Amino acid sequence: MKDYRFIDYEPDKPVDLPPDIRKWLPQDHLALFISDVVDALDISEITDRYLHLEGGRPAYHPRMMLKLLFYGYCIGVRSSRRIEQKTYEDVAFRVLSCDSHPDHSRISDFRKRHLAAISRLFVQVLEICKEFGLVKLGFVALDGTKMKANASKHKAMSYCRMVKKEKELAREVDKLLKQAEPWTSKRTRNTAKASEATSFHRS
């Protein structure tokens, strides 16, 4: 009789996960860093657009949506469909969404509705990442796309040069976000705008 020595493998064994969802990940995980950064951002430019709204479904919290998008960009997951899928299959995305699963259409609508604000906030996120050493050699790689970051071989940087570098980063971010997901046809976009105007009517 053959004697195999394997570590116990019990697919039906109950697993007790920590009640603190953040502890599902290592403390130094990028998703937790992104989460903390987004929590510190001023996102009133986005949240104020939800004031005095009537009708329609309640919106997912913008901070949660931003965390999913920014973390997705940083690891090369840019499609709203893939992000939705990741909230079921990927522990980091489940942590960021607090185990909720926004539909891909709502992720896509959020991105399109707040594209300008998301672009500006993402620049801030990348600047903070650079300060913490998460952006190397002046570049951050997102899904194979190298984006210029506000970094220099020299520690000192003039104000004019710093502003120029920040504008370059902003242009790269804007380009990335606009390419993140192919836009629908003109007819579909117009239909979506009409629906959005009805669902998000301001009082």
Protein backbone atom coordinates (compact mmCIF):
# COMPACT_ATOMS: atom_id res chain seq x y z
CA MET A 1 0.00 0.00 0.00
CA LYS A 2 1.39 3.38 -0.99
CA ASP A 3 1.84 5.85 1.82
CA TYR A 4 1.36 9.43 0.62
CA ARG A 5 2.22 12.25 2.98
CA PHE A 6 0.18 15.36 2.25
CA ILE A 7 -0.86 18.34 4.30
CA ASP A 8 -4.51 18.03 5.28
CA TYR A 9 -6.83 19.22 2.52
CA GLU A 10 -10.48 19.67 3.52
CA PRO A 11 -12.50 21.65 0.95
CA ASP A 12 -15.58 21.63 3.20
CA LYS A 13 -13.74 22.82 6.30
CA PRO A 14 -15.26 26.07 7.70
CA VAL A 15 -12.89 29.04 7.63
CA ASP A 16 -13.15 31.77 10.26
CA LEU A 17 -12.15 35.07 8.65
CA PRO A 18 -11.25 38.07 10.85
CA PRO A 19 -14.30 40.31 11.46
CA ASP A 20 -12.16 43.30 10.44
CA ILE A 21 -12.24 43.01 6.65
CA ARG A 22 -8.96 44.92 6.32
CA LYS A 23 -7.20 42.07 8.08
CA TRP A 24 -7.98 39.80 5.17
CA LEU A 25 -4.93 41.40 3.54
CA PRO A 26 -1.33 41.93 4.68
CA GLN A 27 -0.81 45.31 6.33
CA ASP A 28 1.50 46.51 3.56
CA HIS A 29 -0.86 45.55 0.71
CA LEU A 30 -1.27 48.18 -2.01
CA ALA A 31 -5.07 48.00 -1.77
CA LEU A 32 -4.96 49.15 1.86
CA PHE A 33 -2.59 51.97 0.98
CA ILE A 34 -4.90 53.12 -1.81
CA SER A 35 -7.84 52.88 0.59
CA ASP A 36 -6.13 55.08 3.19
CA VAL A 37 -5.13 57.64 0.56
CA VAL A 38 -8.65 57.90 -0.85
CA ASP A 39 -10.08 58.26 2.66
CA ALA A 40 -7.83 61.31 3.11
CA LEU A 41 -8.82 63.00 -0.16
CA ASP A 42 -11.31 65.84 -0.45
CA ILE A 43 -13.93 64.38 -2.78
CA SER A 44 -16.60 67.02 -2.23
CA GLU A 45 -16.44 67.81 -5.95
CA ILE A 46 -18.06 64.42 -6.47
CA THR A 47 -20.24 64.04 -3.38
CA ASP A 48 -21.82 67.48 -3.77
CA ARG A 49 -23.34 66.34 -7.07
CA TYR A 50 -25.51 63.91 -5.11
CA LEU A 51 -27.14 66.59 -2.96
CA HIS A 52 -30.91 67.10 -3.29
CA LEU A 53 -31.39 64.25 -5.72
CA GLU A 54 -34.85 62.78 -6.14
CA GLY A 55 -35.81 59.35 -7.45
CA GLY A 56 -33.58 56.61 -8.73
CA ARG A 57 -31.58 54.06 -6.80
CA PRO A 58 -29.25 55.13 -3.98
CA ALA A 59 -25.70 55.56 -5.25
CA TYR A 60 -22.73 53.54 -4.08
CA HIS A 61 -20.43 55.64 -1.92
CA PRO A 62 -17.98 57.58 -4.13
CA ARG A 63 -15.02 56.68 -1.92
CA MET A 64 -15.66 52.99 -2.49
CA MET A 65 -16.00 53.48 -6.23
CA LEU A 66 -12.80 55.53 -6.36
CA LYS A 67 -10.90 52.86 -4.44
CA LEU A 68 -12.01 50.17 -6.88
CA LEU A 69 -11.07 52.30 -9.89
CA PHE A 70 -7.71 53.52 -8.60
CA TYR A 71 -6.61 50.11 -7.37
CA GLY A 72 -7.77 48.62 -10.64
CA TYR A 73 -5.75 51.15 -12.64
CA CYS A 74 -2.67 50.45 -10.53
CA ILE A 75 -2.73 46.70 -11.18
CA GLY A 76 -3.91 46.88 -14.78
CA VAL A 77 -7.61 46.12 -14.28
CA ARG A 78 -9.40 48.90 -16.14
CA SER A 79 -12.58 47.40 -17.57
CA SER A 80 -15.71 47.97 -15.48
CA ARG A 81 -16.77 44.39 -16.21
CA ARG A 82 -13.48 43.04 -14.88
CA ILE A 83 -13.71 45.24 -11.80
CA GLU A 84 -17.19 43.90 -11.08
CA GLN A 85 -15.89 40.35 -11.55
CA LYS A 86 -12.96 41.05 -9.24
CA THR A 87 -15.29 42.08 -6.42
CA TYR A 88 -16.42 38.44 -6.37
CA GLU A 89 -13.13 36.68 -7.08
CA ASP A 90 -10.32 38.88 -5.74
CA VAL A 91 -9.81 39.39 -1.99
CA ALA A 92 -8.33 42.88 -2.39
CA PHE A 93 -11.30 44.13 -4.42
CA ARG A 94 -13.71 42.54 -1.93
CA VAL A 95 -11.95 44.36 0.88
CA LEU A 96 -12.14 47.70 -0.94
CA SER A 97 -15.83 47.21 -1.75
CA CYS A 98 -16.62 45.93 1.76
CA ASP A 99 -17.91 42.77 0.07
CA SER A 100 -20.43 44.63 -2.08
CA HIS A 101 -20.58 44.13 -5.82
CA PRO A 102 -21.46 47.19 -7.90
CA ASP A 103 -22.71 46.32 -11.36
CA HIS A 104 -20.32 47.09 -14.21
CA SER A 105 -22.77 49.57 -15.70
CA ARG A 106 -22.81 51.58 -12.48
CA ILE A 107 -19.02 51.54 -12.34
CA SER A 108 -18.87 52.73 -15.93
CA ASP A 109 -21.51 55.42 -15.35
CA PHE A 110 -19.66 56.67 -12.27
CA ARG A 111 -16.41 56.91 -14.22
CA LYS A 112 -17.99 58.80 -17.11
CA ARG A 113 -20.07 61.11 -14.91
CA HIS A 114 -17.10 62.20 -12.79
CA LEU A 115 -14.25 61.77 -15.26
CA ALA A 116 -12.70 65.21 -14.74
CA ALA A 117 -12.78 64.94 -10.94
CA ILE A 118 -11.49 61.36 -11.01
CA SER A 119 -8.58 62.47 -13.19
CA ARG A 120 -7.59 65.24 -10.75
CA LEU A 121 -7.92 62.94 -7.75
CA PHE A 122 -5.86 60.23 -9.42
CA VAL A 123 -3.05 62.73 -9.94
CA GLN A 124 -3.10 63.35 -6.18
CA VAL A 125 -3.02 59.61 -5.51
CA LEU A 126 0.00 59.12 -7.76
CA GLU A 127 1.77 62.09 -6.18
CA ILE A 128 1.27 60.53 -2.74
CA CYS A 129 2.42 57.16 -4.05
CA LYS A 130 5.59 58.82 -5.30
CA GLU A 131 6.20 60.43 -1.91
CA PHE A 132 6.01 57.00 -0.29
CA GLY A 133 8.39 55.48 -2.79
CA LEU A 134 5.76 53.55 -4.75
CA VAL A 135 6.66 55.31 -8.00
CA LYS A 136 10.15 54.46 -9.18
CA LEU A 137 12.46 56.33 -11.56
CA GLY A 138 9.83 58.91 -12.39
CA PHE A 139 7.38 56.38 -13.85
CA VAL A 140 4.45 54.36 -12.64
CA ALA A 141 3.45 51.41 -14.81
CA LEU A 142 -0.29 50.93 -15.23
CA ASP A 143 -1.31 47.98 -17.35
CA GLY A 144 1.90 48.28 -19.35
CA THR A 145 1.46 52.01 -19.86
CA LYS A 146 4.30 54.10 -18.47
CA MET A 147 3.07 57.35 -17.02
CA LYS A 148 5.33 60.26 -16.22
CA ALA A 149 5.32 61.09 -12.53
CA ASN A 150 6.41 64.18 -10.66
CA ALA A 151 9.88 62.85 -9.91
CA SER A 152 13.38 64.02 -10.63
CA LYS A 153 16.94 62.73 -10.38
CA HIS A 154 17.60 65.78 -8.22
CA LYS A 155 16.01 66.32 -4.83
CA ALA A 156 15.53 70.02 -5.48
CA MET A 157 12.96 71.13 -8.06
CA SER A 158 11.94 74.66 -8.95
CA TYR A 159 8.30 75.63 -8.54
CA CYS A 160 7.89 76.14 -12.29
CA ARG A 161 9.37 72.74 -13.04
CA MET A 162 7.17 71.11 -10.40
CA VAL A 163 4.04 72.68 -11.92
CA LYS A 164 5.13 71.59 -15.38
CA LYS A 165 5.68 68.00 -14.22
CA GLU A 166 2.32 67.95 -12.47
CA LYS A 167 0.60 69.15 -15.65
CA GLU A 168 2.37 66.42 -17.64
CA LEU A 169 1.17 63.83 -15.15
CA ALA A 170 -2.36 65.22 -15.33
CA ARG A 171 -2.35 64.90 -19.13
CA GLU A 172 -1.12 61.30 -18.91
CA VAL A 173 -3.78 60.45 -16.33
CA ASP A 174 -6.52 62.06 -18.40
CA LYS A 175 -5.40 60.09 -21.44
CA LEU A 176 -5.37 56.84 -19.46
CA LEU A 177 -8.83 57.33 -17.99
CA LYS A 178 -10.36 58.17 -21.35
CA GLN A 179 -8.87 54.98 -22.77
CA ALA A 180 -9.82 52.88 -19.76
CA GLU A 181 -12.96 51.63 -21.44
CA PRO A 182 -14.15 52.00 -25.03
CA TRP A 183 -17.00 54.45 -25.22
CA THR A 184 -20.31 53.23 -26.59
CA SER A 185 -21.83 54.40 -29.83
CA LYS A 186 -23.15 57.94 -30.11
CA ARG A 187 -26.72 56.69 -30.01
CA THR A 188 -26.04 54.67 -26.85
CA ARG A 189 -24.33 57.63 -25.22
CA ASN A 190 -27.26 59.91 -25.98
CA THR A 191 -29.67 57.33 -24.55
CA ALA A 192 -27.54 57.03 -21.42
CA LYS A 193 -27.46 60.82 -21.01
CA ALA A 194 -31.23 61.03 -21.28
CA SER A 195 -31.63 58.25 -18.73
CA GLU A 196 -29.08 59.89 -16.43
CA ALA A 197 -30.89 63.23 -16.60
CA THR A 198 -34.11 61.50 -15.54
CA SER A 199 -32.58 59.38 -12.77
CA PHE A 200 -30.46 62.15 -11.28
CA HIS A 201 -32.81 65.09 -11.52
CA ARG A 202 -31.92 67.85 -9.09
CA SER A 203 -34.61 69.42 -7.00
